[in-house]
Amino acid sequence: MMGNKKSFTGLVTSDKMDKTIVVAIESRRLHPLYKKYVTTTKKVKAHDENNDAHVGDTVRVVECRHYSKDTCWRLSEIVERAK
C-alpha cells in the first residue's frame, strides 16, 4: 500500500524554528481561459533534523508522516547552498 512519495524542489524562506524550515514551492501552469502562464507559490513546513538548511538554499522536500500539526514534509537534500 506504500506508493511513491511526492517530492518538490523549493527555496528556503525561513529557518528560525528549531528543526523546521519553511520552503516556498513555485509552480507554473497555463490559465485555461487566458492562455497565459500563472506562477503560484505554496509554502510548506519541512522537518530539518540537523538544522542544516538556511535562508536562500534550494532544497528538495519529501512527503512523510506528520511531525507536528503543520509539518508533514521532510528535508531530503540540499540541492544548492545560498551564495
N, C-alpha and C. Protein backbone atom coordinates (compact mmCIF):
# COMPACT_ATOMS: atom_id res chain seq x y z
N MET A 1 0.82 -1.20 0.00
CA MET A 1 0.00 0.00 0.00
C MET A 1 0.86 1.26 0.00
N MET A 2 2.18 1.09 0.15
CA MET A 2 3.08 2.24 0.16
C MET A 2 3.38 2.67 -1.27
N GLY A 3 2.84 3.82 -1.69
CA GLY A 3 3.09 4.33 -3.04
C GLY A 3 4.32 5.21 -3.05
N ASN A 4 4.59 5.80 -4.20
CA ASN A 4 5.70 6.74 -4.30
C ASN A 4 5.34 8.02 -3.57
N LYS A 5 6.32 8.58 -2.86
CA LYS A 5 6.08 9.81 -2.12
C LYS A 5 6.33 11.01 -3.02
N LYS A 6 5.54 12.07 -2.82
CA LYS A 6 5.73 13.29 -3.59
C LYS A 6 7.02 13.97 -3.14
N SER A 7 7.71 14.59 -4.08
CA SER A 7 8.88 15.39 -3.72
C SER A 7 8.88 16.65 -4.57
N PHE A 8 9.27 17.75 -3.95
CA PHE A 8 9.31 19.04 -4.62
C PHE A 8 10.62 19.73 -4.33
N THR A 9 11.04 20.60 -5.23
CA THR A 9 12.22 21.43 -5.03
C THR A 9 11.76 22.86 -4.80
N GLY A 10 12.31 23.50 -3.78
CA GLY A 10 11.90 24.86 -3.47
C GLY A 10 13.00 25.64 -2.78
N LEU A 11 12.67 26.86 -2.42
CA LEU A 11 13.61 27.80 -1.82
C LEU A 11 13.28 27.98 -0.34
N VAL A 12 14.27 27.91 0.52
CA VAL A 12 14.06 28.10 1.96
C VAL A 12 13.82 29.59 2.22
N THR A 13 12.69 29.91 2.85
CA THR A 13 12.36 31.30 3.14
C THR A 13 12.52 31.63 4.62
N SER A 14 12.52 30.61 5.49
CA SER A 14 12.69 30.84 6.92
C SER A 14 13.31 29.62 7.57
N ASP A 15 14.25 29.89 8.51
CA ASP A 15 14.85 28.79 9.28
C ASP A 15 14.90 29.15 10.77
N LYS A 16 13.98 29.99 11.21
CA LYS A 16 14.01 30.49 12.57
C LYS A 16 13.52 29.48 13.60
N MET A 17 12.73 28.50 13.17
CA MET A 17 12.23 27.49 14.10
C MET A 17 13.29 26.40 14.31
N ASP A 18 13.19 25.71 15.43
CA ASP A 18 14.13 24.63 15.72
C ASP A 18 13.70 23.37 14.95
N LYS A 19 14.60 22.84 14.15
CA LYS A 19 14.39 21.62 13.35
C LYS A 19 13.27 21.74 12.33
N THR A 20 12.88 22.96 11.96
CA THR A 20 11.83 23.18 10.97
C THR A 20 12.24 24.31 10.04
N ILE A 21 11.99 24.13 8.74
CA ILE A 21 12.23 25.19 7.76
C ILE A 21 10.94 25.44 6.99
N VAL A 22 10.80 26.64 6.45
CA VAL A 22 9.68 26.97 5.58
C VAL A 22 10.21 27.01 4.15
N VAL A 23 9.59 26.23 3.27
CA VAL A 23 10.05 26.13 1.89
C VAL A 23 8.97 26.65 0.96
N ALA A 24 9.34 27.57 0.06
CA ALA A 24 8.41 28.11 -0.94
C ALA A 24 8.56 27.29 -2.22
N ILE A 25 7.46 26.65 -2.63
CA ILE A 25 7.46 25.82 -3.83
C ILE A 25 6.71 26.57 -4.92
N GLU A 26 7.40 26.88 -6.02
CA GLU A 26 6.78 27.60 -7.13
C GLU A 26 6.35 26.63 -8.21
N SER A 27 5.18 26.88 -8.78
CA SER A 27 4.73 26.07 -9.92
C SER A 27 4.10 26.99 -10.95
N ARG A 28 4.30 26.64 -12.21
CA ARG A 28 3.72 27.43 -13.31
C ARG A 28 2.73 26.56 -14.05
N ARG A 29 1.56 27.14 -14.35
CA ARG A 29 0.58 26.39 -15.14
C ARG A 29 -0.14 27.35 -16.07
N LEU A 30 -0.67 26.80 -17.13
CA LEU A 30 -1.35 27.59 -18.14
C LEU A 30 -2.77 27.89 -17.68
N HIS A 31 -3.16 29.17 -17.73
CA HIS A 31 -4.52 29.55 -17.35
C HIS A 31 -5.47 29.05 -18.43
N PRO A 32 -6.56 28.37 -18.03
CA PRO A 32 -7.44 27.74 -19.03
C PRO A 32 -8.14 28.71 -19.98
N LEU A 33 -8.47 29.91 -19.51
CA LEU A 33 -9.20 30.86 -20.35
C LEU A 33 -8.27 31.84 -21.05
N TYR A 34 -7.32 32.42 -20.32
CA TYR A 34 -6.49 33.48 -20.87
C TYR A 34 -5.21 33.00 -21.53
N LYS A 35 -4.91 31.69 -21.41
CA LYS A 35 -3.75 31.08 -22.08
C LYS A 35 -2.43 31.75 -21.73
N LYS A 36 -2.33 32.25 -20.52
CA LYS A 36 -1.06 32.80 -20.04
C LYS A 36 -0.58 31.94 -18.88
N TYR A 37 0.73 31.88 -18.70
CA TYR A 37 1.27 31.11 -17.60
C TYR A 37 1.16 31.89 -16.29
N VAL A 38 0.63 31.22 -15.28
CA VAL A 38 0.43 31.82 -13.97
C VAL A 38 1.37 31.12 -12.99
N THR A 39 2.14 31.90 -12.23
CA THR A 39 3.04 31.34 -11.24
C THR A 39 2.35 31.35 -9.88
N THR A 40 2.29 30.20 -9.24
CA THR A 40 1.71 30.11 -7.91
C THR A 40 2.79 29.65 -6.94
N THR A 41 2.74 30.16 -5.72
CA THR A 41 3.71 29.80 -4.70
C THR A 41 2.98 29.19 -3.52
N LYS A 42 3.46 28.03 -3.09
CA LYS A 42 2.89 27.36 -1.92
C LYS A 42 4.00 27.22 -0.89
N LYS A 43 3.73 27.61 0.34
CA LYS A 43 4.73 27.49 1.41
C LYS A 43 4.39 26.27 2.26
N VAL A 44 5.40 25.42 2.49
CA VAL A 44 5.21 24.24 3.33
C VAL A 44 6.28 24.25 4.41
N LYS A 45 5.95 23.65 5.55
CA LYS A 45 6.92 23.49 6.63
C LYS A 45 7.53 22.11 6.51
N ALA A 46 8.85 22.04 6.61
CA ALA A 46 9.55 20.77 6.46
C ALA A 46 10.43 20.51 7.67
N HIS A 47 10.55 19.24 8.04
CA HIS A 47 11.38 18.83 9.17
C HIS A 47 12.84 18.79 8.75
N ASP A 48 13.70 19.49 9.49
CA ASP A 48 15.14 19.55 9.22
C ASP A 48 15.85 19.13 10.50
N GLU A 49 16.14 17.84 10.62
CA GLU A 49 16.64 17.26 11.88
C GLU A 49 17.89 17.94 12.41
N ASN A 50 18.87 18.24 11.53
CA ASN A 50 20.15 18.77 11.99
C ASN A 50 20.30 20.28 11.81
N ASN A 51 19.22 20.97 11.46
CA ASN A 51 19.25 22.42 11.19
C ASN A 51 20.32 22.75 10.15
N ASP A 52 20.37 21.97 9.06
CA ASP A 52 21.38 22.15 8.01
C ASP A 52 21.04 23.29 7.06
N ALA A 53 19.77 23.41 6.67
CA ALA A 53 19.37 24.36 5.63
C ALA A 53 19.21 25.76 6.22
N HIS A 54 19.54 26.76 5.40
CA HIS A 54 19.42 28.15 5.80
C HIS A 54 18.69 28.93 4.72
N VAL A 55 18.32 30.17 5.03
CA VAL A 55 17.55 31.01 4.10
C VAL A 55 18.32 31.18 2.79
N GLY A 56 17.62 30.97 1.67
CA GLY A 56 18.23 31.13 0.36
C GLY A 56 18.68 29.83 -0.28
N ASP A 57 18.76 28.76 0.50
CA ASP A 57 19.17 27.46 -0.04
C ASP A 57 18.05 26.88 -0.89
N THR A 58 18.44 26.17 -1.96
CA THR A 58 17.49 25.40 -2.75
C THR A 58 17.51 23.98 -2.22
N VAL A 59 16.34 23.47 -1.82
CA VAL A 59 16.27 22.16 -1.18
C VAL A 59 15.20 21.29 -1.83
N ARG A 60 15.31 19.98 -1.61
CA ARG A 60 14.30 19.03 -2.04
C ARG A 60 13.60 18.50 -0.80
N VAL A 61 12.26 18.56 -0.79
CA VAL A 61 11.48 18.06 0.33
C VAL A 61 10.64 16.88 -0.12
N VAL A 62 10.43 15.93 0.81
CA VAL A 62 9.70 14.70 0.51
C VAL A 62 8.56 14.57 1.50
N GLU A 63 7.44 14.07 1.01
CA GLU A 63 6.26 13.83 1.82
C GLU A 63 6.57 12.77 2.90
N CYS A 64 6.05 12.97 4.10
CA CYS A 64 6.28 11.99 5.18
C CYS A 64 5.15 12.08 6.20
N ARG A 65 5.36 11.41 7.32
CA ARG A 65 4.35 11.44 8.39
C ARG A 65 4.34 12.84 9.03
N HIS A 66 3.29 13.14 9.79
CA HIS A 66 3.20 14.42 10.48
C HIS A 66 4.19 14.46 11.64
N TYR A 67 5.05 15.47 11.66
CA TYR A 67 5.92 15.71 12.80
C TYR A 67 5.25 16.64 13.79
N SER A 68 4.33 17.47 13.30
CA SER A 68 3.55 18.36 14.14
C SER A 68 2.25 18.66 13.38
N LYS A 69 1.50 19.64 13.85
CA LYS A 69 0.22 19.97 13.20
C LYS A 69 0.42 20.37 11.74
N ASP A 70 1.44 21.19 11.46
CA ASP A 70 1.64 21.72 10.11
C ASP A 70 2.74 21.02 9.34
N THR A 71 3.64 20.33 10.02
CA THR A 71 4.83 19.79 9.37
C THR A 71 4.60 18.36 8.91
N CYS A 72 4.42 18.18 7.60
CA CYS A 72 4.26 16.83 7.05
C CYS A 72 5.19 16.61 5.86
N TRP A 73 6.29 17.37 5.81
CA TRP A 73 7.33 17.22 4.80
C TRP A 73 8.65 17.05 5.51
N ARG A 74 9.63 16.45 4.83
CA ARG A 74 10.94 16.20 5.42
C ARG A 74 12.01 16.66 4.43
N LEU A 75 13.06 17.28 4.93
CA LEU A 75 14.17 17.71 4.09
C LEU A 75 14.89 16.47 3.57
N SER A 76 14.97 16.35 2.24
CA SER A 76 15.62 15.20 1.62
C SER A 76 17.08 15.50 1.34
N GLU A 77 17.31 16.64 0.67
CA GLU A 77 18.69 17.03 0.37
C GLU A 77 18.75 18.52 0.10
N ILE A 78 19.95 19.08 0.25
CA ILE A 78 20.18 20.47 -0.10
C ILE A 78 20.77 20.47 -1.50
N VAL A 79 20.02 20.98 -2.47
CA VAL A 79 20.45 20.96 -3.87
C VAL A 79 21.55 21.98 -4.11
N GLU A 80 21.33 23.20 -3.59
CA GLU A 80 22.31 24.27 -3.79
C GLU A 80 22.30 25.20 -2.59
N ARG A 81 23.49 25.54 -2.10
CA ARG A 81 23.62 26.47 -0.99
C ARG A 81 23.46 27.90 -1.47
N ALA A 82 23.00 28.79 -0.58
CA ALA A 82 22.89 30.21 -0.92
C ALA A 82 24.29 30.79 -1.08
N LYS A 83 24.41 31.76 -1.96
CA LYS A 83 25.72 32.39 -2.21
C LYS A 83 26.12 33.26 -1.04
